[in-house]
């Protein structure tokens, strides 16, 4: 018996250290997303660059309320001091010309991942994705540009759920996103490339989930960063205090511009869930309502 016991202890002594501790400390699942990621711009060119045309809402599942808000929106609103330093909300910011830096925050003793940190150079935003199983705060908690995010691994896919996002926009031509919107994301790495899938649900301004994707490439250098020391100024002299540029119902001068340019019905340009699907093209060809 003593011989067997000694042999067992001797065998244990030669077991690799990582195997001995496998039961006491669970290794991080998923893949390593750490590094600097540069965006690729091979899709949605207008969204990623100068911005889409006015009254171009085609292919977006917007509600009637979102459409009316957008038709009342005047781009001069961005010159109002309260809006000059407004940044992209988390559901939109990845579509900008950003440099995305990702790193892990680990518990100093267990080395378990507590959170994934992101520095988004567009508007110099910092984001925390909590990986430690903590709950989301109550509905009355403050909302921020980046919201409150929790994540978990589905195999090699990082899935993130975000709430408490400030009011922002679905598209930079006036289409709004409410502060009741939630965001589900999937970060999928393929070697030196990463696909980011975002799914926005907004009970106020969307009638169906809005799904977008964008791709990134791993780069060795830090990449270019924005500096965003924004300070509001009076851009329009003589504007009465409290005035907000807008178009009254039926007075938007750009209503037909996009539709006429591309020879499509105005109904299609005004968007809605139906315009997302291939069957809608047949409806246009038939001239049906």
Protein backbone atom coordinates (compact mmCIF):
# COMPACT_ATOMS: atom_id res chain seq x y z
CA UNK A 1 0.00 0.00 0.00
CA UNK A 2 2.82 2.39 0.88
CA UNK A 3 4.47 1.65 -2.44
CA UNK A 4 1.26 2.47 -4.36
CA UNK A 5 0.73 5.72 -2.41
CA UNK A 6 4.28 6.88 -3.01
CA UNK A 7 3.95 6.11 -6.71
CA UNK A 8 0.71 8.15 -6.91
CA UNK A 9 2.31 11.14 -5.18
CA UNK A 10 5.34 10.90 -7.43
CA UNK A 11 3.13 10.87 -10.54
CA UNK A 12 1.22 13.90 -9.32
CA UNK A 13 4.45 15.80 -8.86
CA UNK A 14 5.17 15.46 -12.57
CA UNK A 15 1.70 16.54 -13.78
CA UNK A 16 2.00 19.85 -15.70
CA UNK A 17 1.16 22.85 -13.56
CA UNK A 18 -1.68 24.02 -15.82
CA UNK A 19 -3.36 20.61 -15.51
CA UNK A 20 -3.10 20.62 -11.70
CA UNK A 21 -4.92 23.91 -11.46
CA UNK A 22 -7.51 23.20 -14.15
CA UNK A 23 -10.15 22.40 -11.58
CA UNK A 24 -9.47 25.36 -9.31
CA UNK A 25 -9.22 28.14 -11.89
CA UNK A 26 -11.31 28.06 -15.05
CA UNK A 27 -9.43 29.41 -18.04
CA UNK A 28 -10.99 32.20 -20.10
CA UNK A 29 -13.20 30.88 -22.86
CA UNK A 30 -13.32 32.27 -26.36
CA UNK A 31 -10.45 33.85 -28.26
CA UNK A 32 -8.16 36.77 -27.59
CA UNK A 33 -9.53 39.99 -29.09
CA UNK A 34 -6.75 42.15 -27.64
CA UNK A 35 -4.95 44.52 -29.96
CA UNK A 36 -5.48 47.45 -32.28
CA UNK A 37 -8.14 47.07 -34.95
CA UNK A 38 -8.55 49.28 -38.00
CA UNK A 39 -11.91 49.46 -39.83
CA UNK A 40 -12.44 48.25 -43.38
CA UNK A 41 -14.70 50.39 -45.55
CA UNK A 42 -15.92 47.95 -48.20
CA UNK A 43 -19.60 48.25 -47.24
CA UNK A 44 -22.10 51.06 -46.56
CA UNK A 45 -19.80 53.71 -48.01
CA UNK A 46 -22.08 56.68 -47.35
CA UNK A 47 -22.69 55.63 -43.75
CA UNK A 48 -18.95 55.26 -43.18
CA UNK A 49 -17.96 58.50 -44.89
CA UNK A 50 -19.69 61.81 -45.47
CA UNK A 51 -23.09 60.50 -44.45
CA UNK A 52 -26.21 59.43 -46.33
CA UNK A 53 -28.49 61.66 -48.37
CA UNK A 54 -31.30 63.61 -46.74
CA UNK A 55 -34.63 61.77 -46.74
CA UNK A 56 -32.91 58.48 -47.56
CA UNK A 57 -34.54 56.06 -45.13
CA UNK A 58 -34.79 53.12 -47.55
CA UNK A 59 -34.15 49.66 -46.17
CA UNK A 60 -34.59 50.66 -42.53
CA UNK A 61 -37.40 49.27 -40.31
CA UNK A 62 -38.38 52.66 -38.90
CA UNK A 63 -41.66 53.55 -37.23
CA UNK A 64 -43.95 56.38 -38.30
CA UNK A 65 -42.64 58.37 -35.33
CA UNK A 66 -39.04 58.00 -36.48
CA UNK A 67 -39.98 59.10 -39.99
CA UNK A 68 -41.80 62.21 -38.77
CA UNK A 69 -38.88 63.10 -36.48
CA UNK A 70 -36.43 62.77 -39.37
CA UNK A 71 -38.56 64.84 -41.75
CA UNK A 72 -38.65 67.61 -39.14
CA UNK A 73 -34.86 67.44 -38.62
CA UNK A 74 -32.73 70.30 -39.96
CA UNK A 75 -28.97 69.62 -40.17
CA UNK A 76 -28.38 73.10 -38.74
CA UNK A 77 -29.46 71.60 -35.43
CA UNK A 78 -25.87 70.38 -35.07
CA UNK A 79 -24.76 74.01 -34.80
CA UNK A 80 -26.80 74.53 -31.62
CA UNK A 81 -24.36 74.63 -28.66
CA UNK A 82 -26.13 71.78 -26.85
CA UNK A 83 -25.52 69.45 -29.83
CA UNK A 84 -22.06 70.47 -30.99
CA UNK A 85 -20.21 68.00 -28.74
CA UNK A 86 -22.73 65.17 -29.08
CA UNK A 87 -20.91 61.92 -29.85
CA UNK A 88 -21.99 58.73 -31.61
CA UNK A 89 -23.83 56.32 -29.34
CA UNK A 90 -22.44 52.80 -28.93
CA UNK A 91 -24.84 51.31 -31.50
CA UNK A 92 -23.48 53.64 -34.20
CA UNK A 93 -19.92 54.55 -33.24
CA UNK A 94 -18.24 51.49 -34.79
CA UNK A 95 -19.27 52.73 -38.22
CA UNK A 96 -16.97 55.73 -37.98
CA UNK A 97 -13.29 56.13 -39.00
CA UNK A 98 -12.17 54.75 -35.67
CA UNK A 99 -9.10 53.05 -34.29
CA UNK A 100 -10.36 50.35 -31.92
CA UNK A 101 -8.06 49.22 -29.11
CA UNK A 102 -9.16 46.20 -27.02
CA UNK A 103 -7.53 44.81 -23.89
CA UNK A 104 -8.44 42.57 -20.95
CA UNK A 105 -8.84 43.53 -17.31
CA UNK A 106 -8.04 40.58 -15.06
CA UNK A 107 -8.35 39.85 -11.37
CA UNK A 108 -4.79 40.21 -9.99
CA UNK A 109 -5.02 36.96 -8.01
CA UNK A 110 -7.18 34.55 -9.99
CA UNK A 111 -6.32 36.06 -13.39
CA UNK A 112 -9.91 35.62 -14.46
CA UNK A 113 -11.14 38.18 -16.97
CA UNK A 114 -13.28 40.76 -15.19
CA UNK A 115 -13.94 42.98 -18.17
CA UNK A 116 -12.96 43.71 -21.75
CA UNK A 117 -11.93 47.32 -22.21
CA UNK A 118 -12.22 49.26 -25.44
CA UNK A 119 -10.80 52.60 -26.46
CA UNK A 120 -12.70 53.95 -29.47
CA UNK A 121 -10.75 56.80 -31.02
CA UNK A 122 -13.83 58.36 -32.63
CA UNK A 123 -14.77 61.04 -30.10
CA UNK A 124 -12.27 59.42 -27.68
CA UNK A 125 -14.79 57.08 -26.08
CA UNK A 126 -13.93 54.42 -23.48
CA UNK A 127 -16.13 51.36 -23.13
CA UNK A 128 -16.26 48.58 -20.52
CA UNK A 129 -17.80 45.17 -21.27
CA UNK A 130 -18.26 43.39 -17.95
CA UNK A 131 -17.49 39.66 -18.12
CA UNK A 132 -17.97 38.75 -14.45
CA UNK A 133 -21.71 38.04 -14.52
CA UNK A 134 -22.86 41.23 -12.82
CA UNK A 135 -26.49 42.30 -13.48
CA UNK A 136 -27.59 45.35 -15.41
CA UNK A 137 -28.66 48.36 -13.32
CA UNK A 138 -32.33 49.31 -12.88
CA UNK A 139 -34.13 51.25 -15.61
CA UNK A 140 -33.84 54.54 -13.71
CA UNK A 141 -30.03 54.40 -13.66
CA UNK A 142 -28.22 57.09 -15.70
CA UNK A 143 -27.84 56.56 -19.44
CA UNK A 144 -24.51 57.21 -21.21
CA UNK A 145 -23.20 57.33 -24.77
CA UNK A 146 -21.66 53.85 -24.42
CA UNK A 147 -24.39 52.39 -22.18
CA UNK A 148 -23.92 49.50 -19.74
CA UNK A 149 -22.56 46.33 -21.33
CA UNK A 150 -22.19 42.72 -20.21
CA UNK A 151 -20.62 39.95 -22.26
CA UNK A 152 -20.13 36.22 -22.46
CA UNK A 153 -18.54 33.74 -24.84
CA UNK A 154 -20.62 31.58 -27.18
CA UNK A 155 -17.78 29.31 -28.19
CA UNK A 156 -15.35 31.63 -29.98
CA UNK A 157 -17.91 34.40 -30.43
CA UNK A 158 -18.09 37.25 -27.93
CA UNK A 159 -21.74 38.20 -27.38
CA UNK A 160 -22.46 41.53 -25.69
CA UNK A 161 -25.74 42.99 -24.43
CA UNK A 162 -26.03 46.73 -23.78
CA UNK A 163 -28.70 48.84 -22.09
CA UNK A 164 -28.88 52.40 -20.69
CA UNK A 165 -27.85 54.09 -23.95
CA UNK A 166 -28.52 57.80 -24.39
CA UNK A 167 -30.73 59.01 -27.19
CA UNK A 168 -28.80 58.97 -30.44
CA UNK A 169 -29.42 58.21 -34.09
CA UNK A 170 -29.97 55.28 -36.41
CA UNK A 171 -28.68 57.23 -39.39
CA UNK A 172 -26.94 60.59 -39.55
CA UNK A 173 -29.66 62.25 -41.60
CA UNK A 174 -32.08 62.75 -38.74
CA UNK A 175 -33.34 59.23 -38.02
CA UNK A 176 -33.41 58.95 -34.22
CA UNK A 177 -32.72 56.16 -31.75
CA UNK A 178 -34.50 56.40 -28.40
CA UNK A 179 -33.02 55.94 -24.94
CA UNK A 180 -35.11 52.76 -24.63
CA UNK A 181 -33.08 50.99 -27.31
CA UNK A 182 -31.02 47.90 -26.49
CA UNK A 183 -28.04 46.52 -28.38
CA UNK A 184 -26.84 42.95 -28.93
CA UNK A 185 -23.42 42.48 -30.52
CA UNK A 186 -21.29 39.61 -31.76
CA UNK A 187 -17.51 40.03 -32.13
CA UNK A 188 -16.18 37.25 -34.39
CA UNK A 189 -12.46 36.89 -35.02
CA UNK A 190 -11.03 35.19 -38.12
CA UNK A 191 -7.24 35.36 -37.79
CA UNK A 192 -6.26 38.99 -38.32
CA UNK A 193 -9.82 40.00 -39.22
CA UNK A 194 -12.81 40.62 -37.00
CA UNK A 195 -16.48 40.94 -37.91
CA UNK A 196 -18.72 43.03 -35.68
CA UNK A 197 -22.45 42.33 -35.85
CA UNK A 198 -24.85 44.76 -34.15
CA UNK A 199 -28.56 44.19 -33.56
CA UNK A 200 -30.57 47.18 -32.31
CA UNK A 201 -34.05 46.85 -30.87
CA UNK A 202 -35.91 50.10 -30.23
CA UNK A 203 -39.57 49.93 -29.15
CA UNK A 204 -40.03 53.61 -30.01
CA UNK A 205 -38.41 54.12 -33.41
CA UNK A 206 -38.01 50.62 -34.91
CA UNK A 207 -40.70 48.10 -35.81
CA UNK A 208 -38.18 45.27 -36.34
CA UNK A 209 -34.58 44.69 -35.21
CA UNK A 210 -31.96 46.61 -37.19
CA UNK A 211 -28.95 44.45 -38.09
CA UNK A 212 -25.64 45.92 -39.25
CA UNK A 213 -22.14 44.51 -39.77
CA UNK A 214 -18.69 45.98 -40.13
CA UNK A 215 -15.24 44.44 -40.44
CA UNK A 216 -11.88 45.25 -38.85
CA UNK A 217 -8.26 44.25 -39.51
CA UNK A 218 -5.61 43.75 -36.81
CA UNK A 219 -2.79 46.26 -37.13
CA UNK A 220 0.57 46.28 -35.36
CA UNK A 221 0.82 50.02 -34.88
CA UNK A 222 -1.50 52.01 -32.65
CA UNK A 223 -3.10 53.68 -35.62
CA UNK A 224 -4.40 57.21 -35.87
CA UNK A 225 -6.42 58.66 -33.02
CA UNK A 226 -8.78 61.55 -32.75
CA UNK A 227 -8.23 64.26 -30.23
CA UNK A 228 -11.61 65.54 -29.12
CA UNK A 229 -11.27 68.53 -26.78
CA UNK A 230 -14.70 69.78 -27.83
CA UNK A 231 -15.91 73.16 -26.60
CA UNK A 232 -19.21 74.67 -27.67
CA UNK A 233 -19.24 78.04 -29.44
CA UNK A 234 -21.80 80.32 -31.07
CA UNK A 235 -21.64 79.23 -34.71
CA UNK A 236 -24.67 81.15 -35.99
CA UNK A 237 -24.65 84.83 -35.07
CA UNK A 238 -27.96 86.44 -34.20
CA UNK A 239 -29.89 83.21 -33.59
CA UNK A 240 -32.53 83.78 -30.91
CA UNK A 241 -31.75 81.99 -27.65
CA UNK A 242 -33.50 78.65 -27.42
CA UNK A 243 -34.31 78.36 -31.13
CA UNK A 244 -33.94 74.87 -32.60
CA UNK A 245 -33.72 74.60 -36.41
CA UNK A 246 -36.51 72.41 -37.80
CA UNK A 247 -38.95 71.86 -40.63
CA UNK A 248 -42.66 72.01 -39.93
CA UNK A 249 -44.83 69.11 -41.17
CA UNK A 250 -44.93 69.07 -44.96
CA UNK A 251 -42.25 71.77 -45.27
CA UNK A 252 -39.08 69.71 -45.69
CA UNK A 253 -37.51 71.10 -48.90
CA UNK A 254 -35.51 67.90 -49.50
CA UNK A 255 -38.45 65.51 -49.44
CA UNK A 256 -38.16 64.38 -53.07
CA UNK A 257 -34.43 64.94 -53.68
CA UNK A 258 -33.14 61.40 -53.03
CA UNK A 259 -36.15 59.67 -54.61
CA UNK A 260 -35.98 61.79 -57.76
CA UNK A 261 -32.19 61.38 -58.10
CA UNK A 262 -32.42 57.58 -58.18
CA UNK A 263 -35.84 57.38 -59.86
CA UNK A 264 -37.54 55.45 -57.09
CA UNK A 265 -40.98 56.02 -55.55
CA UNK A 266 -41.02 58.40 -52.60
CA UNK A 267 -42.70 55.64 -50.59
CA UNK A 268 -39.56 53.51 -50.95
CA UNK A 269 -37.26 56.37 -49.94
CA UNK A 270 -39.30 56.92 -46.77
CA UNK A 271 -38.36 53.45 -45.54
CA UNK A 272 -40.13 51.04 -43.24
CA UNK A 273 -39.64 47.35 -42.51
CA UNK A 274 -41.16 46.33 -45.84
CA UNK A 275 -38.37 48.08 -47.76
CA UNK A 276 -35.75 45.77 -46.22
CA UNK A 277 -36.85 42.70 -48.14
CA UNK A 278 -36.26 41.63 -51.78
CA UNK A 279 -39.99 41.20 -52.35
CA UNK A 280 -40.42 44.96 -52.11
CA UNK A 281 -38.69 45.41 -55.46
CA UNK A 282 -41.43 43.41 -57.16
CA UNK A 283 -44.02 45.59 -55.46
CA UNK A 284 -42.37 48.71 -56.88
CA UNK A 285 -42.26 47.19 -60.37
CA UNK A 286 -46.00 46.54 -60.19
CA UNK A 287 -46.61 50.03 -58.87
CA UNK A 288 -48.63 48.65 -55.98
CA UNK A 289 -49.25 50.19 -52.58
